Amino acid sequence: PGPAAAPPSGRTRRARLRVVRTDPWTVMKVSFLLSIALGVVTVVGVSLLWMVLDAAGVFSSVGGTLKQATTGTDATSGFDLQSYLSFGNVFLFTLLIAVVDVVLMTALCTLASFIYNTAAGMTGGVEVTLAEED
C-alpha cells in the first residue's frame, strides 16, 4: 500500500535554547487565568466539603459538644459554633480568600517576571535543552 516507515536510527536531535526574557504582559494574563481557575476550584471544593460535613452531622455534633462545654453554671448560653460556620459565612469567607488570591498571585507573578528579566539580563537567562528522537 504505502511506503514503509524507516526504522528509527536511534539518534537524538538536541537543541539548546536560552530563555532570555519573559513578557510581563503575557505572564500577567496567564497567571490571572490560572489564579481564577484556582479560585473557582477552591470555592467549589470548600462548598462541597462543607455540604459533606454538614450532611454527616459534624457541625451539629461538634457544636453541641462545644456549647455544652462553654455553658456557664449560671445558665448562660454557651458558644454557638453553627452560627459562625453557616454555609453563607463559610462561602463568603472562601470567596474573599479566592479574590485576594487572584489579585496577589497575579501581582506576584508579574513582579517575578520583571525580576527574572533583570536577573536574566545579568546572567544570560536559563538554558533549556530540548531533545527529539528521529
C-alpha atoms as a PDB file:
ATOM      1  CA  PRO A   1       0.000   0.000   0.000  1.00  0.00           C
ATOM      2  CA  GLY A   2       2.246   2.863   1.121  1.00  0.00           C
ATOM      3  CA  PRO A   3       5.939   3.185   1.699  1.00  0.00           C
ATOM      4  CA  ALA A   4       7.155   1.555   4.863  1.00  0.00           C
ATOM      5  CA  ALA A   5       8.288   3.815   7.635  1.00  0.00           C
ATOM      6  CA  ALA A   6      12.039   3.991   8.049  1.00  0.00           C
ATOM      7  CA  PRO A   7      13.311   2.202  11.144  1.00  0.00           C
ATOM      8  CA  PRO A   8      14.395   4.535  13.901  1.00  0.00           C
ATOM      9  CA  SER A   9      18.057   5.367  13.651  1.00  0.00           C
ATOM     10  CA  GLY A  10      18.448   5.700  17.407  1.00  0.00           C
ATOM     11  CA  ARG A  11      19.797   9.214  17.057  1.00  0.00           C
ATOM     12  CA  THR A  12      18.512  12.038  19.175  1.00  0.00           C
ATOM     13  CA  ARG A  13      18.476  15.577  17.878  1.00  0.00           C
ATOM     14  CA  ARG A  14      19.137  18.161  20.562  1.00  0.00           C
ATOM     15  CA  ALA A  15      18.643  21.894  20.631  1.00  0.00           C
ATOM     16  CA  ARG A  16      19.951  24.159  23.357  1.00  0.00           C
ATOM     17  CA  LEU A  17      17.763  27.185  23.864  1.00  0.00           C
ATOM     18  CA  ARG A  18      18.037  30.030  26.302  1.00  0.00           C
ATOM     19  CA  VAL A  19      15.100  31.846  27.924  1.00  0.00           C
ATOM     20  CA  VAL A  20      16.444  35.385  27.991  1.00  0.00           C
ATOM     21  CA  ARG A  21      13.248  37.371  28.537  1.00  0.00           C
ATOM     22  CA  THR A  22       9.648  36.810  29.587  1.00  0.00           C
ATOM     23  CA  ASP A  23       6.939  39.227  28.556  1.00  0.00           C
ATOM     24  CA  PRO A  24       5.368  40.634  31.745  1.00  0.00           C
ATOM     25  CA  TRP A  25       2.034  41.268  29.994  1.00  0.00           C
ATOM     26  CA  THR A  26       1.807  37.618  28.912  1.00  0.00           C
ATOM     27  CA  VAL A  27       2.869  36.412  32.349  1.00  0.00           C
ATOM     28  CA  MET A  28       0.171  38.602  33.903  1.00  0.00           C
ATOM     29  CA  LYS A  29      -2.554  37.248  31.602  1.00  0.00           C
ATOM     30  CA  VAL A  30      -1.586  33.607  32.132  1.00  0.00           C
ATOM     31  CA  SER A  31      -1.198  33.957  35.895  1.00  0.00           C
ATOM     32  CA  PHE A  32      -4.553  35.760  36.090  1.00  0.00           C
ATOM     33  CA  LEU A  33      -6.328  32.939  34.254  1.00  0.00           C
ATOM     34  CA  LEU A  34      -4.617  30.248  36.322  1.00  0.00           C
ATOM     35  CA  SER A  35      -5.413  32.029  39.583  1.00  0.00           C
ATOM     36  CA  ILE A  36      -9.064  32.418  38.505  1.00  0.00           C
ATOM     37  CA  ALA A  37      -9.166  28.667  37.886  1.00  0.00           C
ATOM     38  CA  LEU A  38      -7.579  28.014  41.290  1.00  0.00           C
ATOM     39  CA  GLY A  39     -10.111  30.348  42.924  1.00  0.00           C
ATOM     40  CA  VAL A  40     -13.047  28.535  41.315  1.00  0.00           C
ATOM     41  CA  VAL A  41     -11.643  25.166  42.384  1.00  0.00           C
ATOM     42  CA  THR A  42     -11.186  26.484  45.929  1.00  0.00           C
ATOM     43  CA  VAL A  43     -14.739  27.827  46.199  1.00  0.00           C
ATOM     44  CA  VAL A  44     -16.292  24.662  44.747  1.00  0.00           C
ATOM     45  CA  GLY A  45     -14.097  22.397  46.891  1.00  0.00           C
ATOM     46  CA  VAL A  46     -14.876  24.216  50.139  1.00  0.00           C
ATOM     47  CA  SER A  47     -18.595  24.278  49.301  1.00  0.00           C
ATOM     48  CA  LEU A  48     -18.643  20.539  48.635  1.00  0.00           C
ATOM     49  CA  LEU A  49     -16.614  19.833  51.771  1.00  0.00           C
ATOM     50  CA  TRP A  50     -18.987  21.945  53.868  1.00  0.00           C
ATOM     51  CA  MET A  51     -22.015  20.119  52.424  1.00  0.00           C
ATOM     52  CA  VAL A  52     -20.482  16.702  53.131  1.00  0.00           C
ATOM     53  CA  LEU A  53     -19.545  17.657  56.693  1.00  0.00           C
ATOM     54  CA  ASP A  54     -22.994  19.127  57.294  1.00  0.00           C
ATOM     55  CA  ALA A  55     -24.721  16.040  55.902  1.00  0.00           C
ATOM     56  CA  ALA A  56     -22.564  13.858  58.156  1.00  0.00           C
ATOM     57  CA  GLY A  57     -23.655  15.907  61.173  1.00  0.00           C
ATOM     58  CA  VAL A  58     -20.177  17.048  62.105  1.00  0.00           C
ATOM     59  CA  PHE A  59     -21.158  20.662  62.756  1.00  0.00           C
ATOM     60  CA  SER A  60     -24.121  19.780  64.960  1.00  0.00           C
ATOM     61  CA  SER A  61     -22.104  17.227  66.924  1.00  0.00           C
ATOM     62  CA  VAL A  62     -19.079  19.463  67.486  1.00  0.00           C
ATOM     63  CA  GLY A  63     -21.341  22.474  68.052  1.00  0.00           C
ATOM     64  CA  GLY A  64     -23.357  20.622  70.693  1.00  0.00           C
ATOM     65  CA  THR A  65     -20.218  19.491  72.480  1.00  0.00           C
ATOM     66  CA  LEU A  66     -18.733  22.982  72.363  1.00  0.00           C
ATOM     67  CA  LYS A  67     -21.970  24.558  73.583  1.00  0.00           C
ATOM     68  CA  GLN A  68     -22.181  22.097  76.466  1.00  0.00           C
ATOM     69  CA  ALA A  69     -18.545  22.710  77.399  1.00  0.00           C
ATOM     70  CA  THR A  70     -18.891  26.506  77.384  1.00  0.00           C
ATOM     71  CA  THR A  71     -22.235  26.754  79.166  1.00  0.00           C
ATOM     72  CA  GLY A  72     -21.693  28.505  82.487  1.00  0.00           C
ATOM     73  CA  THR A  73     -23.014  27.444  85.877  1.00  0.00           C
ATOM     74  CA  ASP A  74     -25.349  30.440  85.950  1.00  0.00           C
ATOM     75  CA  ALA A  75     -27.287  29.045  82.944  1.00  0.00           C
ATOM     76  CA  THR A  76     -25.641  31.376  80.435  1.00  0.00           C
ATOM     77  CA  SER A  77     -25.733  30.264  76.859  1.00  0.00           C
ATOM     78  CA  GLY A  78     -22.586  28.624  75.515  1.00  0.00           C
ATOM     79  CA  PHE A  79     -20.710  29.245  72.294  1.00  0.00           C
ATOM     80  CA  ASP A  80     -22.846  28.574  69.202  1.00  0.00           C
ATOM     81  CA  LEU A  81     -20.478  27.159  66.558  1.00  0.00           C
ATOM     82  CA  GLN A  82     -23.209  26.617  63.963  1.00  0.00           C
ATOM     83  CA  SER A  83     -24.000  30.328  63.719  1.00  0.00           C
ATOM     84  CA  TYR A  84     -20.353  31.060  62.826  1.00  0.00           C
ATOM     85  CA  LEU A  85     -19.916  28.133  60.457  1.00  0.00           C
ATOM     86  CA  SER A  86     -23.112  28.592  58.471  1.00  0.00           C
ATOM     87  CA  PHE A  87     -22.852  27.958  54.740  1.00  0.00           C
ATOM     88  CA  GLY A  88     -23.230  31.643  53.947  1.00  0.00           C
ATOM     89  CA  ASN A  89     -20.406  32.699  56.251  1.00  0.00           C
ATOM     90  CA  VAL A  90     -18.080  29.965  55.030  1.00  0.00           C
ATOM     91  CA  PHE A  91     -18.901  30.698  51.376  1.00  0.00           C
ATOM     92  CA  LEU A  92     -18.325  34.450  51.759  1.00  0.00           C
ATOM     93  CA  PHE A  93     -15.028  33.909  53.585  1.00  0.00           C
ATOM     94  CA  THR A  94     -13.867  31.461  50.904  1.00  0.00           C
ATOM     95  CA  LEU A  95     -14.897  33.882  48.168  1.00  0.00           C
ATOM     96  CA  LEU A  96     -12.950  36.669  49.868  1.00  0.00           C
ATOM     97  CA  ILE A  97      -9.863  34.461  50.146  1.00  0.00           C
ATOM     98  CA  ALA A  98     -10.199  33.458  46.470  1.00  0.00           C
ATOM     99  CA  VAL A  99     -10.411  37.087  45.319  1.00  0.00           C
ATOM    100  CA  VAL A 100      -7.383  38.063  47.407  1.00  0.00           C
ATOM    101  CA  ASP A 101      -5.557  35.042  45.977  1.00  0.00           C
ATOM    102  CA  VAL A 102      -6.329  36.125  42.404  1.00  0.00           C
ATOM    103  CA  VAL A 103      -5.025  39.643  43.000  1.00  0.00           C
ATOM    104  CA  LEU A 104      -1.909  38.556  44.906  1.00  0.00           C
ATOM    105  CA  MET A 105      -0.963  35.696  42.602  1.00  0.00           C
ATOM    106  CA  THR A 106      -1.328  37.872  39.506  1.00  0.00           C
ATOM    107  CA  ALA A 107       0.706  40.694  41.031  1.00  0.00           C
ATOM    108  CA  LEU A 108       3.435  38.401  42.383  1.00  0.00           C
ATOM    109  CA  CYS A 109       3.831  36.500  39.108  1.00  0.00           C
ATOM    110  CA  THR A 110       4.087  39.759  37.156  1.00  0.00           C
ATOM    111  CA  LEU A 111       6.653  41.066  39.629  1.00  0.00           C
ATOM    112  CA  ALA A 112       8.565  37.788  39.327  1.00  0.00           C
ATOM    113  CA  SER A 113       8.638  38.290  35.549  1.00  0.00           C
ATOM    114  CA  PHE A 114      10.258  41.708  35.961  1.00  0.00           C
ATOM    115  CA  ILE A 115      12.761  40.280  38.448  1.00  0.00           C
ATOM    116  CA  TYR A 116      13.561  37.380  36.103  1.00  0.00           C
ATOM    117  CA  ASN A 117      14.141  39.767  33.204  1.00  0.00           C
ATOM    118  CA  THR A 118      16.542  41.797  35.324  1.00  0.00           C
ATOM    119  CA  ALA A 119      18.417  38.703  36.504  1.00  0.00           C
ATOM    120  CA  ALA A 120      18.490  37.184  33.019  1.00  0.00           C
ATOM    121  CA  GLY A 121      19.956  40.417  31.673  1.00  0.00           C
ATOM    122  CA  MET A 122      22.882  39.998  34.056  1.00  0.00           C
ATOM    123  CA  THR A 123      23.346  36.215  33.848  1.00  0.00           C
ATOM    124  CA  GLY A 124      22.157  35.354  30.349  1.00  0.00           C
ATOM    125  CA  GLY A 125      18.952  33.549  31.273  1.00  0.00           C
ATOM    126  CA  VAL A 126      18.010  29.930  31.813  1.00  0.00           C
ATOM    127  CA  GLU A 127      19.339  27.379  29.352  1.00  0.00           C
ATOM    128  CA  VAL A 128      16.981  24.600  28.260  1.00  0.00           C
ATOM    129  CA  THR A 129      17.962  21.532  26.230  1.00  0.00           C
ATOM    130  CA  LEU A 130      15.208  20.112  24.043  1.00  0.00           C
ATOM    131  CA  ALA A 131      15.530  16.635  22.553  1.00  0.00           C
ATOM    132  CA  GLU A 132      13.721  14.969  19.681  1.00  0.00           C
ATOM    133  CA  GLU A 133      14.217  11.370  18.668  1.00  0.00           C
ATOM    134  CA  ASP A 134      14.451  10.662  14.951  1.00  0.00           C
END
